[in-house]
Amino acid sequence: MISHGIDLVEISRFQKLIHDEHFLHKYFTEKEQAYIESRGNNLATIAGIYASKEAFLKAIRKRMNVYPILDIEVLHDEENAPYIVLHHQIKKDISFQEISLSISHDGEYAIASIVILF
């Protein structure tokens, strides 16, 4: 089975949240926060990672309150390509063969698209 999830967010929505430590710790893992910081706290980067988590939840047809958002981690390989790492209960519950993630930003928007092969 193949499932797809997509999410579009307005980048400016994160402007006032970039300096909110509670927000950052609630939605982004330590590794994600380090990546965001390494990219100069770029709002498009934050929006893209956030959209990726939402897109993943849409692909598995679950709401954000079913699994802790921090259990879905968006990392980047040596070529800066994003990928998903699952932790804790969601890792036990979701059995997949492959997850493909694409993130894009343009103007005022960031979009993430996820395809999961179960």
C-alpha atoms as a PDB file:
ATOM      1  CA  MET A   1       0.000   0.000   0.000  1.00  0.00           C
ATOM      2  CA  ILE A   2       1.120   3.545  -0.745  1.00  0.00           C
ATOM      3  CA  SER A   3       0.000   6.591   1.250  1.00  0.00           C
ATOM      4  CA  HIS A   4       0.613  10.284   0.633  1.00  0.00           C
ATOM      5  CA  GLY A   5       0.506  13.329   2.905  1.00  0.00           C
ATOM      6  CA  ILE A   6       1.075  16.971   2.059  1.00  0.00           C
ATOM      7  CA  ASP A   7       1.107  20.156   4.110  1.00  0.00           C
ATOM      8  CA  LEU A   8       1.454  23.819   3.187  1.00  0.00           C
ATOM      9  CA  VAL A   9       2.310  26.491   5.768  1.00  0.00           C
ATOM     10  CA  GLU A  10       2.743  30.226   5.625  1.00  0.00           C
ATOM     11  CA  ILE A  11       6.343  30.959   6.596  1.00  0.00           C
ATOM     12  CA  SER A  12       5.577  34.286   8.300  1.00  0.00           C
ATOM     13  CA  ARG A  13       3.428  32.377  10.803  1.00  0.00           C
ATOM     14  CA  PHE A  14       6.688  31.333  12.495  1.00  0.00           C
ATOM     15  CA  GLN A  15       8.135  34.869  12.779  1.00  0.00           C
ATOM     16  CA  LYS A  16       7.004  35.480  16.346  1.00  0.00           C
ATOM     17  CA  LEU A  17       7.619  31.852  17.370  1.00  0.00           C
ATOM     18  CA  ILE A  18      11.314  31.680  16.441  1.00  0.00           C
ATOM     19  CA  HIS A  19      12.359  33.102  19.821  1.00  0.00           C
ATOM     20  CA  ASP A  20       9.748  31.192  21.837  1.00  0.00           C
ATOM     21  CA  GLU A  21      11.714  28.469  23.653  1.00  0.00           C
ATOM     22  CA  HIS A  22       8.490  26.689  24.677  1.00  0.00           C
ATOM     23  CA  PHE A  23       7.387  26.437  21.047  1.00  0.00           C
ATOM     24  CA  LEU A  24      10.782  25.183  19.869  1.00  0.00           C
ATOM     25  CA  HIS A  25      11.007  22.503  22.584  1.00  0.00           C
ATOM     26  CA  LYS A  26       7.400  21.437  22.048  1.00  0.00           C
ATOM     27  CA  TYR A  27       7.658  20.864  18.268  1.00  0.00           C
ATOM     28  CA  PHE A  28      11.332  20.292  17.446  1.00  0.00           C
ATOM     29  CA  THR A  29      13.812  17.725  18.746  1.00  0.00           C
ATOM     30  CA  GLU A  30      17.285  18.754  19.875  1.00  0.00           C
ATOM     31  CA  LYS A  31      18.745  17.604  16.549  1.00  0.00           C
ATOM     32  CA  GLU A  32      16.113  19.564  14.620  1.00  0.00           C
ATOM     33  CA  GLN A  33      16.792  22.656  16.730  1.00  0.00           C
ATOM     34  CA  ALA A  34      20.537  22.290  16.069  1.00  0.00           C
ATOM     35  CA  TYR A  35      19.844  22.029  12.329  1.00  0.00           C
ATOM     36  CA  ILE A  36      17.577  25.088  12.444  1.00  0.00           C
ATOM     37  CA  GLU A  37      20.280  27.020  14.294  1.00  0.00           C
ATOM     38  CA  SER A  38      22.922  25.883  11.778  1.00  0.00           C
ATOM     39  CA  ARG A  39      20.731  27.381   9.038  1.00  0.00           C
ATOM     40  CA  GLY A  40      20.686  30.763  10.800  1.00  0.00           C
ATOM     41  CA  ASN A  41      17.235  30.240  12.350  1.00  0.00           C
ATOM     42  CA  ASN A  42      15.790  30.567   8.861  1.00  0.00           C
ATOM     43  CA  LEU A  43      11.995  30.752   9.047  1.00  0.00           C
ATOM     44  CA  ALA A  44      11.605  28.718   5.840  1.00  0.00           C
ATOM     45  CA  THR A  45      13.627  25.911   7.433  1.00  0.00           C
ATOM     46  CA  ILE A  46      11.414  25.906  10.535  1.00  0.00           C
ATOM     47  CA  ALA A  47       8.266  25.987   8.416  1.00  0.00           C
ATOM     48  CA  GLY A  48       9.511  23.141   6.220  1.00  0.00           C
ATOM     49  CA  ILE A  49      10.291  20.858   9.149  1.00  0.00           C
ATOM     50  CA  TYR A  50       6.959  21.656  10.781  1.00  0.00           C
ATOM     51  CA  ALA A  51       5.092  20.999   7.512  1.00  0.00           C
ATOM     52  CA  SER A  52       6.939  17.673   7.191  1.00  0.00           C
ATOM     53  CA  LYS A  53       5.615  16.470  10.530  1.00  0.00           C
ATOM     54  CA  GLU A  54       2.073  17.505   9.592  1.00  0.00           C
ATOM     55  CA  ALA A  55       2.390  15.810   6.195  1.00  0.00           C
ATOM     56  CA  PHE A  56       3.596  12.617   7.853  1.00  0.00           C
ATOM     57  CA  LEU A  57       0.595  12.565  10.188  1.00  0.00           C
ATOM     58  CA  LYS A  58      -1.700  13.097   7.219  1.00  0.00           C
ATOM     59  CA  ALA A  59      -0.042  10.209   5.389  1.00  0.00           C
ATOM     60  CA  ILE A  60      -0.706   7.858   8.310  1.00  0.00           C
ATOM     61  CA  ARG A  61      -4.157   9.404   8.798  1.00  0.00           C
ATOM     62  CA  LYS A  62      -3.615  10.477  12.405  1.00  0.00           C
ATOM     63  CA  ARG A  63      -4.048  13.773  14.214  1.00  0.00           C
ATOM     64  CA  MET A  64      -1.260  15.516  16.105  1.00  0.00           C
ATOM     65  CA  ASN A  65      -2.756  14.471  19.463  1.00  0.00           C
ATOM     66  CA  VAL A  66      -2.417  10.725  18.725  1.00  0.00           C
ATOM     67  CA  TYR A  67       1.393  10.643  18.819  1.00  0.00           C
ATOM     68  CA  PRO A  68       3.802  13.131  20.395  1.00  0.00           C
ATOM     69  CA  ILE A  69       5.064  15.412  17.631  1.00  0.00           C
ATOM     70  CA  LEU A  70       8.623  15.006  18.915  1.00  0.00           C
ATOM     71  CA  ASP A  71       8.439  11.302  18.043  1.00  0.00           C
ATOM     72  CA  ILE A  72       8.515  12.339  14.379  1.00  0.00           C
ATOM     73  CA  GLU A  73      11.982  13.703  13.634  1.00  0.00           C
ATOM     74  CA  VAL A  74      13.069  15.383  10.412  1.00  0.00           C
ATOM     75  CA  LEU A  75      16.793  15.054   9.795  1.00  0.00           C
ATOM     76  CA  HIS A  76      19.021  15.794   6.796  1.00  0.00           C
ATOM     77  CA  ASP A  77      21.657  13.605   5.186  1.00  0.00           C
ATOM     78  CA  GLU A  78      25.125  14.657   3.989  1.00  0.00           C
ATOM     79  CA  GLU A  79      23.604  16.081   0.812  1.00  0.00           C
ATOM     80  CA  ASN A  80      21.042  18.033   2.872  1.00  0.00           C
ATOM     81  CA  ALA A  81      18.150  15.796   1.736  1.00  0.00           C
ATOM     82  CA  PRO A  82      15.475  15.511   4.432  1.00  0.00           C
ATOM     83  CA  TYR A  83      14.329  12.211   5.879  1.00  0.00           C
ATOM     84  CA  ILE A  84      12.068  10.995   8.685  1.00  0.00           C
ATOM     85  CA  VAL A  85      13.131   9.122  11.818  1.00  0.00           C
ATOM     86  CA  LEU A  86      10.427   7.718  14.108  1.00  0.00           C
ATOM     87  CA  HIS A  87      10.776   7.224  17.857  1.00  0.00           C
ATOM     88  CA  HIS A  88       8.969   5.473  20.716  1.00  0.00           C
ATOM     89  CA  GLN A  89       5.382   4.237  20.234  1.00  0.00           C
ATOM     90  CA  ILE A  90       4.955   5.558  16.702  1.00  0.00           C
ATOM     91  CA  LYS A  91       8.037   3.567  15.656  1.00  0.00           C
ATOM     92  CA  LYS A  92       6.409   0.417  17.074  1.00  0.00           C
ATOM     93  CA  ASP A  93       3.001   1.136  15.520  1.00  0.00           C
ATOM     94  CA  ILE A  94       4.033   2.170  11.997  1.00  0.00           C
ATOM     95  CA  SER A  95       5.568  -0.587   9.915  1.00  0.00           C
ATOM     96  CA  PHE A  96       6.781   0.699   6.551  1.00  0.00           C
ATOM     97  CA  GLN A  97       9.166  -0.248   3.789  1.00  0.00           C
ATOM     98  CA  GLU A  98      10.125   3.268   2.749  1.00  0.00           C
ATOM     99  CA  ILE A  99       9.316   6.910   3.455  1.00  0.00           C
ATOM    100  CA  SER A 100      10.086   9.600   0.888  1.00  0.00           C
ATOM    101  CA  LEU A 101      10.064  13.239   2.019  1.00  0.00           C
ATOM    102  CA  SER A 102      10.327  16.373  -0.077  1.00  0.00           C
ATOM    103  CA  ILE A 103      10.363  19.928   1.307  1.00  0.00           C
ATOM    104  CA  SER A 104      10.173  23.105  -0.751  1.00  0.00           C
ATOM    105  CA  HIS A 105       9.912  26.828  -0.004  1.00  0.00           C
ATOM    106  CA  ASP A 106       8.921  29.659  -2.289  1.00  0.00           C
ATOM    107  CA  GLY A 107       7.972  33.174  -1.374  1.00  0.00           C
ATOM    108  CA  GLU A 108       5.690  33.116   1.627  1.00  0.00           C
ATOM    109  CA  TYR A 109       5.072  29.357   1.736  1.00  0.00           C
ATOM    110  CA  ALA A 110       6.758  26.105   2.666  1.00  0.00           C
ATOM    111  CA  ILE A 111       5.395  22.761   1.549  1.00  0.00           C
ATOM    112  CA  ALA A 112       6.215  19.192   2.503  1.00  0.00           C
ATOM    113  CA  SER A 113       5.149  16.047   0.712  1.00  0.00           C
ATOM    114  CA  ILE A 114       5.512  12.525   2.099  1.00  0.00           C
ATOM    115  CA  VAL A 115       4.989   9.219   0.342  1.00  0.00           C
ATOM    116  CA  ILE A 116       4.996   6.067   2.469  1.00  0.00           C
ATOM    117  CA  LEU A 117       5.287   2.564   1.093  1.00  0.00           C
ATOM    118  CA  PHE A 118       3.815   0.087   3.576  1.00  0.00           C
END
